[in-house]
Amino acid sequence: MASIPKRGRHRGSAAAFPLLELLREHPARAYSIAAAGVALIAQYVTVPQEALLGLVAALLGAGEVTQRVENSKTHEAFALLAKVAARPPQERHPY
């Protein structure tokens, strides 16, 4: 079984949909749009309370997933930084 890349350019059926690629690369942006949408629905649309609570629960779950994705990006960046810092000074490239 081939390994599946965590992030980056995908070659499967999702590659045909740029929106899916955008969501994979920027989950925090998608989450903020969803949160704003739920707030607008709560303010301006008359919906049953149960439906609104369901939307809020789904939004909280999406927030948890978004946080985990962003944390993994941070860990990858720190690991890369530690790898570069561990090199002797003459092998480091200036940024």
C-alpha atoms as a PDB file:
ATOM      1  CA  MET A   1       0.000   0.000   0.000  1.00  0.00           C
ATOM      2  CA  ALA A   2       1.441   3.361  -0.989  1.00  0.00           C
ATOM      3  CA  SER A   3       1.923   6.012   1.645  1.00  0.00           C
ATOM      4  CA  ILE A   4      -0.466   8.946   1.542  1.00  0.00           C
ATOM      5  CA  PRO A   5       1.078  12.408   1.904  1.00  0.00           C
ATOM      6  CA  LYS A   6      -0.191  14.489   4.803  1.00  0.00           C
ATOM      7  CA  ARG A   7      -0.256  17.767   2.923  1.00  0.00           C
ATOM      8  CA  GLY A   8       0.761  19.214  -0.369  1.00  0.00           C
ATOM      9  CA  ARG A   9      -0.402  18.658  -3.898  1.00  0.00           C
ATOM     10  CA  HIS A  10      -2.645  15.645  -4.217  1.00  0.00           C
ATOM     11  CA  ARG A  11      -3.066  13.527  -7.296  1.00  0.00           C
ATOM     12  CA  GLY A  12      -6.372  11.817  -6.605  1.00  0.00           C
ATOM     13  CA  SER A  13      -9.894  12.849  -7.435  1.00  0.00           C
ATOM     14  CA  ALA A  14      -9.604  15.755  -4.981  1.00  0.00           C
ATOM     15  CA  ALA A  15      -7.001  17.361  -7.242  1.00  0.00           C
ATOM     16  CA  ALA A  16      -9.779  18.145  -9.712  1.00  0.00           C
ATOM     17  CA  PHE A  17     -11.459  20.353  -7.088  1.00  0.00           C
ATOM     18  CA  PRO A  18      -9.360  23.389  -6.145  1.00  0.00           C
ATOM     19  CA  LEU A  19     -11.704  24.131  -3.241  1.00  0.00           C
ATOM     20  CA  LEU A  20     -10.766  20.861  -1.541  1.00  0.00           C
ATOM     21  CA  GLU A  21      -7.093  21.690  -1.973  1.00  0.00           C
ATOM     22  CA  LEU A  22      -7.699  25.118  -0.443  1.00  0.00           C
ATOM     23  CA  LEU A  23      -9.459  23.521   2.531  1.00  0.00           C
ATOM     24  CA  ARG A  24      -6.537  21.153   3.092  1.00  0.00           C
ATOM     25  CA  GLU A  25      -3.987  23.951   2.950  1.00  0.00           C
ATOM     26  CA  HIS A  26      -5.924  26.535   5.008  1.00  0.00           C
ATOM     27  CA  PRO A  27      -8.316  24.846   7.444  1.00  0.00           C
ATOM     28  CA  ALA A  28      -8.372  27.829   9.833  1.00  0.00           C
ATOM     29  CA  ARG A  29      -9.761  30.068   7.096  1.00  0.00           C
ATOM     30  CA  ALA A  30     -12.523  27.598   6.327  1.00  0.00           C
ATOM     31  CA  TYR A  31     -13.326  27.308  10.028  1.00  0.00           C
ATOM     32  CA  SER A  32     -13.607  31.070  10.425  1.00  0.00           C
ATOM     33  CA  ILE A  33     -16.019  31.258   7.485  1.00  0.00           C
ATOM     34  CA  ALA A  34     -18.116  28.458   8.992  1.00  0.00           C
ATOM     35  CA  ALA A  35     -18.169  30.182  12.388  1.00  0.00           C
ATOM     36  CA  ALA A  36     -19.276  33.437  10.806  1.00  0.00           C
ATOM     37  CA  GLY A  37     -21.983  31.574   8.897  1.00  0.00           C
ATOM     38  CA  VAL A  38     -23.349  29.967  12.053  1.00  0.00           C
ATOM     39  CA  ALA A  39     -23.364  33.359  13.790  1.00  0.00           C
ATOM     40  CA  LEU A  40     -25.275  34.903  10.887  1.00  0.00           C
ATOM     41  CA  ILE A  41     -27.783  32.066  10.859  1.00  0.00           C
ATOM     42  CA  ALA A  42     -28.314  32.409  14.604  1.00  0.00           C
ATOM     43  CA  GLN A  43     -28.905  36.151  14.275  1.00  0.00           C
ATOM     44  CA  TYR A  44     -30.960  36.494  11.111  1.00  0.00           C
ATOM     45  CA  VAL A  45     -32.654  33.176  10.309  1.00  0.00           C
ATOM     46  CA  THR A  46     -35.461  31.642  12.307  1.00  0.00           C
ATOM     47  CA  VAL A  47     -34.468  28.020  12.849  1.00  0.00           C
ATOM     48  CA  PRO A  48     -35.454  25.571  15.576  1.00  0.00           C
ATOM     49  CA  GLN A  49     -33.187  25.683  18.610  1.00  0.00           C
ATOM     50  CA  GLU A  50     -32.239  22.025  18.134  1.00  0.00           C
ATOM     51  CA  ALA A  51     -30.968  22.713  14.627  1.00  0.00           C
ATOM     52  CA  LEU A  52     -28.922  25.656  15.847  1.00  0.00           C
ATOM     53  CA  LEU A  53     -27.428  23.585  18.653  1.00  0.00           C
ATOM     54  CA  GLY A  54     -26.544  20.902  16.111  1.00  0.00           C
ATOM     55  CA  LEU A  55     -24.730  23.488  13.991  1.00  0.00           C
ATOM     56  CA  VAL A  56     -22.827  24.738  17.020  1.00  0.00           C
ATOM     57  CA  ALA A  57     -21.851  21.181  18.001  1.00  0.00           C
ATOM     58  CA  ALA A  58     -20.609  20.498  14.462  1.00  0.00           C
ATOM     59  CA  LEU A  59     -18.678  23.763  14.541  1.00  0.00           C
ATOM     60  CA  LEU A  60     -16.998  22.771  17.809  1.00  0.00           C
ATOM     61  CA  GLY A  61     -15.969  19.447  16.289  1.00  0.00           C
ATOM     62  CA  ALA A  62     -14.591  21.213  13.225  1.00  0.00           C
ATOM     63  CA  GLY A  63     -12.674  23.556  15.526  1.00  0.00           C
ATOM     64  CA  GLU A  64     -10.993  20.603  17.201  1.00  0.00           C
ATOM     65  CA  VAL A  65      -9.938  19.161  13.842  1.00  0.00           C
ATOM     66  CA  THR A  66      -8.681  22.568  12.710  1.00  0.00           C
ATOM     67  CA  GLN A  67      -6.655  22.961  15.887  1.00  0.00           C
ATOM     68  CA  ARG A  68      -5.021  19.562  15.422  1.00  0.00           C
ATOM     69  CA  VAL A  69      -4.097  20.325  11.809  1.00  0.00           C
ATOM     70  CA  GLU A  70      -2.590  23.687  12.750  1.00  0.00           C
ATOM     71  CA  ASN A  71      -0.708  22.096  15.662  1.00  0.00           C
ATOM     72  CA  SER A  72       0.786  19.500  13.317  1.00  0.00           C
ATOM     73  CA  LYS A  73       1.988  22.299  11.018  1.00  0.00           C
ATOM     74  CA  THR A  74       3.614  24.024  13.995  1.00  0.00           C
ATOM     75  CA  HIS A  75       5.323  20.808  15.117  1.00  0.00           C
ATOM     76  CA  GLU A  76       6.637  20.222  11.590  1.00  0.00           C
ATOM     77  CA  ALA A  77       8.014  23.775  11.459  1.00  0.00           C
ATOM     78  CA  PHE A  78       9.747  23.407  14.828  1.00  0.00           C
ATOM     79  CA  ALA A  79      11.205  20.046  13.784  1.00  0.00           C
ATOM     80  CA  LEU A  80      12.587  21.631  10.623  1.00  0.00           C
ATOM     81  CA  LEU A  81      13.995  24.532  12.616  1.00  0.00           C
ATOM     82  CA  ALA A  82      15.676  22.144  15.071  1.00  0.00           C
ATOM     83  CA  LYS A  83      17.123  20.167  12.171  1.00  0.00           C
ATOM     84  CA  VAL A  84      18.617  23.317  10.631  1.00  0.00           C
ATOM     85  CA  ALA A  85      19.883  24.580  14.001  1.00  0.00           C
ATOM     86  CA  ALA A  86      21.637  21.246  14.636  1.00  0.00           C
ATOM     87  CA  ARG A  87      23.821  21.689  11.548  1.00  0.00           C
ATOM     88  CA  PRO A  88      27.264  23.213  11.915  1.00  0.00           C
ATOM     89  CA  PRO A  89      27.245  26.971  11.223  1.00  0.00           C
ATOM     90  CA  GLN A  90      29.089  26.634   7.903  1.00  0.00           C
ATOM     91  CA  GLU A  91      26.355  24.320   6.530  1.00  0.00           C
ATOM     92  CA  ARG A  92      23.434  26.598   7.426  1.00  0.00           C
ATOM     93  CA  HIS A  93      21.935  28.731   4.709  1.00  0.00           C
ATOM     94  CA  PRO A  94      21.046  32.339   5.462  1.00  0.00           C
ATOM     95  CA  TYR A  95      17.362  33.175   5.139  1.00  0.00           C
END
